[in-house]
N, C-alpha and C. Protein backbone atom coordinates (compact mmCIF):
# COMPACT_ATOMS: atom_id res chain seq x y z
N MET A 1 63.70 55.50 198.09
CA MET A 1 63.91 56.25 199.05
C MET A 1 63.39 57.70 198.72
N LYS A 2 62.81 58.32 199.70
CA LYS A 2 61.89 59.60 199.39
C LYS A 2 62.87 60.62 199.10
N PRO A 3 62.51 61.59 198.37
CA PRO A 3 63.55 62.51 197.87
C PRO A 3 63.65 63.65 199.14
N GLU A 4 62.82 63.81 200.02
CA GLU A 4 63.10 64.73 200.95
C GLU A 4 63.84 64.34 202.03
N ILE A 5 64.40 63.01 201.86
CA ILE A 5 65.42 62.52 203.20
C ILE A 5 66.73 62.41 202.65
N LEU A 6 67.06 62.69 201.24
CA LEU A 6 68.01 62.77 200.70
C LEU A 6 69.15 64.04 200.82
N PRO A 7 70.43 63.98 200.89
CA PRO A 7 71.11 65.13 201.16
C PRO A 7 71.16 65.82 199.71
N PRO A 8 71.73 66.85 199.61
CA PRO A 8 71.74 67.47 198.20
C PRO A 8 72.74 66.70 197.41
N LEU A 9 72.31 66.49 196.19
CA LEU A 9 73.35 65.72 195.12
C LEU A 9 74.14 66.44 194.23
N THR A 10 73.75 67.64 194.08
CA THR A 10 74.54 68.75 193.18
C THR A 10 74.30 69.97 193.70
N ALA A 11 75.24 70.84 193.06
CA ALA A 11 75.01 72.30 193.45
C ALA A 11 75.63 73.04 192.02
N THR A 12 74.89 74.19 191.97
CA THR A 12 74.90 75.03 190.81
C THR A 12 75.59 76.41 191.67
N VAL A 13 76.73 76.83 191.07
CA VAL A 13 77.37 77.89 191.35
C VAL A 13 77.57 78.97 190.36
N ARG A 14 77.12 80.25 190.65
CA ARG A 14 76.93 81.08 189.54
C ARG A 14 77.81 82.48 189.85
N VAL A 15 78.71 82.84 188.99
CA VAL A 15 79.69 84.09 189.57
C VAL A 15 79.39 84.97 188.47
N ARG A 16 78.97 86.28 188.76
CA ARG A 16 78.71 87.36 187.97
C ARG A 16 79.31 88.68 188.28
N ARG A 17 80.09 89.01 187.46
CA ARG A 17 80.82 90.30 187.92
C ARG A 17 80.13 91.52 187.09
N ALA A 18 80.48 92.79 187.55
CA ALA A 18 79.84 93.85 187.04
C ALA A 18 80.63 94.19 185.49
N GLY A 19 80.07 94.23 184.71
CA GLY A 19 80.64 94.53 183.35
C GLY A 19 80.59 93.44 182.52
N TRP A 20 80.08 92.08 183.18
CA TRP A 20 80.01 90.97 182.35
C TRP A 20 78.80 90.72 181.60
N ARG A 21 78.62 90.20 180.47
CA ARG A 21 77.47 90.17 179.84
C ARG A 21 76.94 88.77 180.43
N HIS A 22 77.73 87.79 180.70
CA HIS A 22 77.30 86.56 181.18
C HIS A 22 78.05 86.44 182.35
N GLY A 23 77.50 85.53 183.42
CA GLY A 23 78.58 85.07 184.31
C GLY A 23 78.91 83.63 184.14
N VAL A 24 79.64 82.98 184.73
CA VAL A 24 80.27 81.88 184.96
C VAL A 24 79.54 80.82 185.70
N ARG A 25 79.01 79.88 185.12
CA ARG A 25 78.15 78.90 185.93
C ARG A 25 78.77 77.39 185.98
N LEU A 26 79.08 77.04 187.32
CA LEU A 26 79.67 75.66 187.40
C LEU A 26 78.59 74.67 188.13
N TRP A 27 78.60 73.60 187.55
CA TRP A 27 77.68 72.44 188.21
C TRP A 27 78.62 71.54 188.89
N LEU A 28 78.30 71.41 190.27
CA LEU A 28 79.17 70.73 191.24
C LEU A 28 78.56 69.23 191.58
N PRO A 29 79.02 67.93 191.24
CA PRO A 29 78.48 66.88 191.66
C PRO A 29 78.84 66.66 192.97
N LEU A 30 77.78 67.05 193.95
CA LEU A 30 78.00 66.60 195.26
C LEU A 30 77.79 65.13 195.73
N PHE A 31 77.18 64.49 194.82
CA PHE A 31 77.06 63.03 195.25
C PHE A 31 78.47 62.19 195.24
N LEU A 32 79.46 62.87 194.34
CA LEU A 32 80.93 62.35 194.37
C LEU A 32 81.49 62.33 195.87
N ILE A 33 81.14 63.61 196.55
CA ILE A 33 81.73 64.01 197.78
C ILE A 33 81.02 62.78 198.81
N TRP A 34 79.80 62.66 198.65
CA TRP A 34 79.10 61.63 199.38
C TRP A 34 79.88 60.28 199.27
N LEU A 35 79.86 59.96 198.02
CA LEU A 35 80.59 58.59 197.82
C LEU A 35 81.89 58.43 198.55
N LEU A 36 82.65 59.53 198.66
CA LEU A 36 83.93 59.52 199.48
C LEU A 36 83.82 59.33 200.68
N LEU A 37 82.72 60.14 201.48
CA LEU A 37 82.68 60.10 202.78
C LEU A 37 81.89 59.06 203.58
N VAL A 38 81.46 58.22 202.78
CA VAL A 38 80.62 57.02 203.48
C VAL A 38 81.74 55.81 203.53
N PRO A 39 82.67 55.64 203.00
CA PRO A 39 83.41 54.81 203.49
C PRO A 39 84.31 55.50 204.97
N LEU A 40 84.62 56.64 204.71
CA LEU A 40 85.36 57.37 206.04
C LEU A 40 84.39 57.34 207.01
N LEU A 41 83.18 57.35 206.71
CA LEU A 41 82.24 57.47 208.26
C LEU A 41 81.85 55.99 208.57
N ILE A 42 82.30 55.06 207.84
CA ILE A 42 82.04 53.57 208.24
C ILE A 42 83.51 53.18 209.07
N LEU A 43 84.61 53.69 208.42
CA LEU A 43 85.79 53.68 209.41
C LEU A 43 85.86 54.09 210.74
N LEU A 44 85.15 55.28 210.68
CA LEU A 44 85.28 56.12 211.95
C LEU A 44 84.10 55.62 212.89
N LEU A 45 83.08 55.00 212.50
CA LEU A 45 81.90 54.43 213.09
C LEU A 45 82.37 53.93 214.60
N PRO A 46 83.31 53.26 214.74
CA PRO A 46 83.66 52.56 215.93
C PRO A 46 84.08 53.53 216.80
N LEU A 47 85.06 54.61 216.40
CA LEU A 47 85.46 55.58 217.39
C LEU A 47 84.32 56.47 217.75
N LEU A 48 83.19 56.80 216.80
CA LEU A 48 82.40 57.54 217.34
C LEU A 48 81.38 56.53 218.25
N PHE A 49 81.37 55.44 218.16
CA PHE A 49 80.54 54.76 219.24
C PHE A 49 81.31 54.63 220.56
N VAL A 50 82.44 54.30 220.41
CA VAL A 50 83.24 54.71 221.85
C VAL A 50 83.30 56.13 222.47
N GLY A 51 83.25 56.97 221.59
CA GLY A 51 83.08 58.51 222.11
C GLY A 51 81.62 58.83 222.67
N ALA A 52 80.47 58.20 222.16
CA ALA A 52 79.33 58.31 222.31
C ALA A 52 78.94 57.85 223.67
N LEU A 53 79.70 56.49 224.01
CA LEU A 53 79.75 55.77 225.26
C LEU A 53 80.28 56.64 226.49
N ILE A 54 81.33 57.22 226.03
CA ILE A 54 82.24 57.95 227.04
C ILE A 54 81.34 59.10 227.49
N PHE A 55 80.79 59.86 226.63
CA PHE A 55 80.19 61.14 226.67
C PHE A 55 78.68 61.15 227.01
N GLY A 56 78.05 59.82 226.73
CA GLY A 56 76.69 59.39 227.31
C GLY A 56 75.88 59.88 226.11
N ILE A 57 76.24 59.84 225.12
CA ILE A 57 75.34 60.31 224.10
C ILE A 57 74.89 59.23 223.05
N ASN A 58 73.36 59.26 222.82
CA ASN A 58 72.96 58.27 221.69
C ASN A 58 73.50 58.59 220.42
N LEU A 59 74.04 57.72 220.14
CA LEU A 59 74.74 57.71 218.73
C LEU A 59 73.88 57.70 217.44
N TRP A 60 72.77 56.80 217.71
CA TRP A 60 71.83 56.48 216.51
C TRP A 60 71.09 57.77 216.62
N ARG A 61 70.71 58.23 217.58
CA ARG A 61 69.82 59.82 217.45
C ARG A 61 70.82 60.72 216.90
N SER A 62 72.00 60.76 217.28
CA SER A 62 72.87 61.97 216.70
C SER A 62 73.03 61.39 215.32
N LEU A 63 73.18 60.48 214.82
CA LEU A 63 73.30 60.25 213.48
C LEU A 63 71.98 60.62 212.64
N LYS A 64 70.74 60.18 213.32
CA LYS A 64 69.45 60.66 212.69
C LYS A 64 69.36 62.10 212.50
N ALA A 65 69.91 62.74 213.53
CA ALA A 65 69.63 64.49 213.59
C ALA A 65 70.69 64.83 212.63
N LEU A 66 71.84 64.22 212.20
CA LEU A 66 72.80 64.86 211.18
C LEU A 66 72.01 64.50 209.95
N LYS A 67 71.47 63.50 209.60
CA LYS A 67 70.97 62.93 208.48
C LYS A 67 69.78 64.08 208.04
N GLY A 68 69.18 64.46 209.21
CA GLY A 68 67.88 65.37 209.19
C GLY A 68 68.56 66.65 208.72
N VAL A 69 69.55 67.14 209.47
CA VAL A 69 70.22 68.60 209.01
C VAL A 69 70.72 68.35 207.41
N LEU A 70 71.45 67.26 206.99
CA LEU A 70 71.72 67.38 205.88
C LEU A 70 70.60 67.41 204.56
N ALA A 71 69.45 66.69 205.14
CA ALA A 71 68.41 66.75 204.09
C ALA A 71 67.74 67.97 204.06
N ALA A 72 67.74 68.56 205.20
CA ALA A 72 67.09 70.10 205.09
C ALA A 72 67.75 70.93 204.37
N THR A 73 69.07 70.80 203.85
CA THR A 73 69.98 71.73 203.14
C THR A 73 69.46 71.54 201.81
N HIS A 74 68.79 70.61 201.36
CA HIS A 74 68.35 70.23 199.82
C HIS A 74 67.32 71.48 199.41
N GLY A 75 67.74 72.14 198.36
CA GLY A 75 66.78 73.20 198.03
C GLY A 75 67.21 74.52 198.48
N THR A 76 68.36 74.81 199.15
CA THR A 76 69.01 75.83 199.70
C THR A 76 69.50 76.86 198.29
N HIS A 77 69.04 78.14 198.86
CA HIS A 77 69.57 78.86 197.45
C HIS A 77 70.07 80.19 198.52
N VAL A 78 71.53 80.46 198.07
CA VAL A 78 72.06 81.51 198.47
C VAL A 78 72.49 82.56 197.55
N GLU A 79 72.37 83.90 197.92
CA GLU A 79 72.75 84.80 196.92
C GLU A 79 73.63 85.81 197.66
N VAL A 80 74.94 86.11 197.19
CA VAL A 80 75.58 87.04 197.88
C VAL A 80 76.22 88.24 196.93
N ASP A 81 75.73 89.50 197.25
CA ASP A 81 76.34 90.40 196.48
C ASP A 81 77.29 91.25 197.20
N ARG A 82 78.62 91.30 196.45
CA ARG A 82 79.69 91.77 197.14
C ARG A 82 80.14 92.99 196.24
N GLY A 83 79.64 94.12 196.31
CA GLY A 83 79.91 95.22 195.37
C GLY A 83 79.84 94.90 193.86
N ASP A 84 81.11 94.58 193.35
CA ASP A 84 80.83 94.46 191.58
C ASP A 84 80.67 93.08 191.12
N THR A 85 80.72 92.15 192.29
CA THR A 85 80.70 90.52 192.26
C THR A 85 79.24 89.99 192.92
N LYS A 86 78.69 89.05 192.00
CA LYS A 86 77.51 88.22 192.78
C LYS A 86 77.70 87.10 192.83
N PHE A 87 77.35 86.31 193.93
CA PHE A 87 77.65 84.89 194.07
C PHE A 87 76.16 83.99 193.90
N PHE A 88 75.90 82.94 193.43
CA PHE A 88 74.59 82.74 193.55
C PHE A 88 74.89 81.07 193.72
N ILE A 89 74.34 80.49 194.71
CA ILE A 89 74.79 78.99 195.30
C ILE A 89 73.43 78.20 195.29
N ARG A 90 73.10 77.14 194.70
CA ARG A 90 71.83 76.60 194.62
C ARG A 90 71.97 75.15 195.05
N LEU A 91 71.50 74.47 196.00
CA LEU A 91 71.65 72.94 196.31
C LEU A 91 70.51 72.12 195.72
N HIS A 92 70.66 71.28 194.85
CA HIS A 92 69.62 70.60 194.36
C HIS A 92 69.45 68.95 194.94
C-alpha cells in the first residue's frame, strides 16, 4: 500500500507552558483507533447502504472521498499559541 493513501497512524502532541524548561510530549497511536473503527464500520455498512439508496448517494464514491480526506490529513502540523501555553500537534 502506498504511504500517501494511508490515514495518519500516529500523532505527537506537545504542550509547553511559559516558565517550563521542557514541554510535555505525548505519542498517540492512532492506528489503535483505526483498528477499533474498522469493525464498527463493517457493522454500519448495511445501514449506510440503505441510507445511500434512500438519499440517492453513491456509497462507494462517498467512502472513497472519505478515505481521501483521511489520507490528506497525513503530515498535518498544528500550532496553537494561547497566551502562556503552546500546543503542537503533528500527525504522522
